[in-house]
Amino acid sequence: MEDKWFVFEEDGTLHLHRSWTGIEVYRIRFEPEGADRVAREAWMAEGVRTPWTEANDEEEARRIDRVFDVVLLGR
């Protein structure tokens, strides 16, 4: 299935929801660093273990990277 996400930023936190369920899967908190913003923390919504989530932090970090690359940056 295609990756379809609803993503929005509020108060320095990026919220990533699956568009077809509305479930928030990830939150990423950013802080300013010079002219850029840097991700400082990432959370996976508690209790979200579904076919699109993995069982460990490294796999989840790769999924977040993929969402950024494919969905947000169009790579």
C-alpha atoms as a PDB file:
ATOM      1  CA  MET A   1       0.000   0.000   0.000  1.00  0.00           C
ATOM      2  CA  GLU A   2       1.195   3.503  -0.728  1.00  0.00           C
ATOM      3  CA  ASP A   3       2.492   5.654   2.100  1.00  0.00           C
ATOM      4  CA  LYS A   4      -0.227   8.179   2.813  1.00  0.00           C
ATOM      5  CA  TRP A   5       0.305  10.506   5.720  1.00  0.00           C
ATOM      6  CA  PHE A   6      -1.292  13.613   7.178  1.00  0.00           C
ATOM      7  CA  VAL A   7       1.570  15.717   8.557  1.00  0.00           C
ATOM      8  CA  PHE A   8       1.454  19.039  10.368  1.00  0.00           C
ATOM      9  CA  GLU A   9       3.681  21.150  12.611  1.00  0.00           C
ATOM     10  CA  GLU A  10       2.525  22.791  15.810  1.00  0.00           C
ATOM     11  CA  ASP A  11       4.708  24.568  18.373  1.00  0.00           C
ATOM     12  CA  GLY A  12       7.943  23.011  17.095  1.00  0.00           C
ATOM     13  CA  THR A  13       6.535  19.481  16.992  1.00  0.00           C
ATOM     14  CA  LEU A  14       5.865  17.613  13.766  1.00  0.00           C
ATOM     15  CA  HIS A  15       2.834  15.302  13.995  1.00  0.00           C
ATOM     16  CA  LEU A  16       2.609  12.367  11.579  1.00  0.00           C
ATOM     17  CA  HIS A  17      -0.771  10.656  11.220  1.00  0.00           C
ATOM     18  CA  ARG A  18      -1.763   7.842   8.887  1.00  0.00           C
ATOM     19  CA  SER A  19      -4.189   9.571   6.554  1.00  0.00           C
ATOM     20  CA  TRP A  20      -6.465   6.576   6.040  1.00  0.00           C
ATOM     21  CA  THR A  21      -7.026   5.947   9.776  1.00  0.00           C
ATOM     22  CA  GLY A  22      -6.282   9.339  11.342  1.00  0.00           C
ATOM     23  CA  ILE A  23      -4.094   7.622  13.936  1.00  0.00           C
ATOM     24  CA  GLU A  24      -1.086   9.664  15.040  1.00  0.00           C
ATOM     25  CA  VAL A  25       1.902   7.363  14.743  1.00  0.00           C
ATOM     26  CA  TYR A  26       4.889   9.678  15.336  1.00  0.00           C
ATOM     27  CA  ARG A  27       5.774  13.028  16.908  1.00  0.00           C
ATOM     28  CA  ILE A  28       9.106  14.706  16.312  1.00  0.00           C
ATOM     29  CA  ARG A  29      10.225  17.691  18.374  1.00  0.00           C
ATOM     30  CA  PHE A  30      12.512  20.216  16.687  1.00  0.00           C
ATOM     31  CA  GLU A  31      14.661  22.983  18.160  1.00  0.00           C
ATOM     32  CA  PRO A  32      16.330  25.905  16.408  1.00  0.00           C
ATOM     33  CA  GLU A  33      20.054  25.534  15.748  1.00  0.00           C
ATOM     34  CA  GLY A  34      21.481  28.539  13.949  1.00  0.00           C
ATOM     35  CA  ALA A  35      19.468  29.067  10.760  1.00  0.00           C
ATOM     36  CA  ASP A  36      18.221  25.448  10.835  1.00  0.00           C
ATOM     37  CA  ARG A  37      15.925  23.318  12.954  1.00  0.00           C
ATOM     38  CA  VAL A  38      17.185  20.028  14.350  1.00  0.00           C
ATOM     39  CA  ALA A  39      15.142  17.022  15.467  1.00  0.00           C
ATOM     40  CA  ARG A  40      15.821  16.469  19.166  1.00  0.00           C
ATOM     41  CA  GLU A  41      13.296  13.790  20.137  1.00  0.00           C
ATOM     42  CA  ALA A  42      10.939  11.419  18.389  1.00  0.00           C
ATOM     43  CA  TRP A  43       8.067   9.463  19.876  1.00  0.00           C
ATOM     44  CA  MET A  44       5.898   6.692  18.596  1.00  0.00           C
ATOM     45  CA  ALA A  45       2.335   6.869  19.842  1.00  0.00           C
ATOM     46  CA  GLU A  46       1.790   4.549  22.778  1.00  0.00           C
ATOM     47  CA  GLY A  47      -0.041   1.378  21.925  1.00  0.00           C
ATOM     48  CA  VAL A  48       0.483   1.740  18.171  1.00  0.00           C
ATOM     49  CA  ARG A  49       1.693  -1.608  16.955  1.00  0.00           C
ATOM     50  CA  THR A  50       0.285  -2.252  13.544  1.00  0.00           C
ATOM     51  CA  PRO A  51       1.490  -3.811  10.297  1.00  0.00           C
ATOM     52  CA  TRP A  52       3.296  -0.563   9.392  1.00  0.00           C
ATOM     53  CA  THR A  53       5.283  -0.320  12.642  1.00  0.00           C
ATOM     54  CA  GLU A  54       8.272  -2.370  13.684  1.00  0.00           C
ATOM     55  CA  ALA A  55       9.292  -3.851  17.022  1.00  0.00           C
ATOM     56  CA  ASN A  56      12.461  -1.847  17.745  1.00  0.00           C
ATOM     57  CA  ASP A  57      13.717   1.745  17.852  1.00  0.00           C
ATOM     58  CA  GLU A  58      16.190   1.358  14.970  1.00  0.00           C
ATOM     59  CA  GLU A  59      13.467   0.166  12.599  1.00  0.00           C
ATOM     60  CA  GLU A  60      11.179   2.983  13.702  1.00  0.00           C
ATOM     61  CA  ALA A  61      13.951   5.542  13.104  1.00  0.00           C
ATOM     62  CA  ARG A  62      14.369   4.145   9.568  1.00  0.00           C
ATOM     63  CA  ARG A  63      10.624   4.449   8.998  1.00  0.00           C
ATOM     64  CA  ILE A  64      10.676   8.091  10.118  1.00  0.00           C
ATOM     65  CA  ASP A  65      13.583   8.735   7.736  1.00  0.00           C
ATOM     66  CA  ARG A  66      11.605   7.096   4.924  1.00  0.00           C
ATOM     67  CA  VAL A  67       8.535   9.224   5.648  1.00  0.00           C
ATOM     68  CA  PHE A  68      10.723  12.339   5.474  1.00  0.00           C
ATOM     69  CA  ASP A  69      12.436  11.248   2.260  1.00  0.00           C
ATOM     70  CA  VAL A  70       9.427   9.952   0.350  1.00  0.00           C
ATOM     71  CA  VAL A  71       6.429  11.818   1.706  1.00  0.00           C
ATOM     72  CA  LEU A  72       7.830  15.191   2.735  1.00  0.00           C
ATOM     73  CA  LEU A  73      10.815  15.613   0.374  1.00  0.00           C
ATOM     74  CA  GLY A  74       9.440  13.659  -2.598  1.00  0.00           C
ATOM     75  CA  ARG A  75      12.596  11.578  -3.119  1.00  0.00           C
END
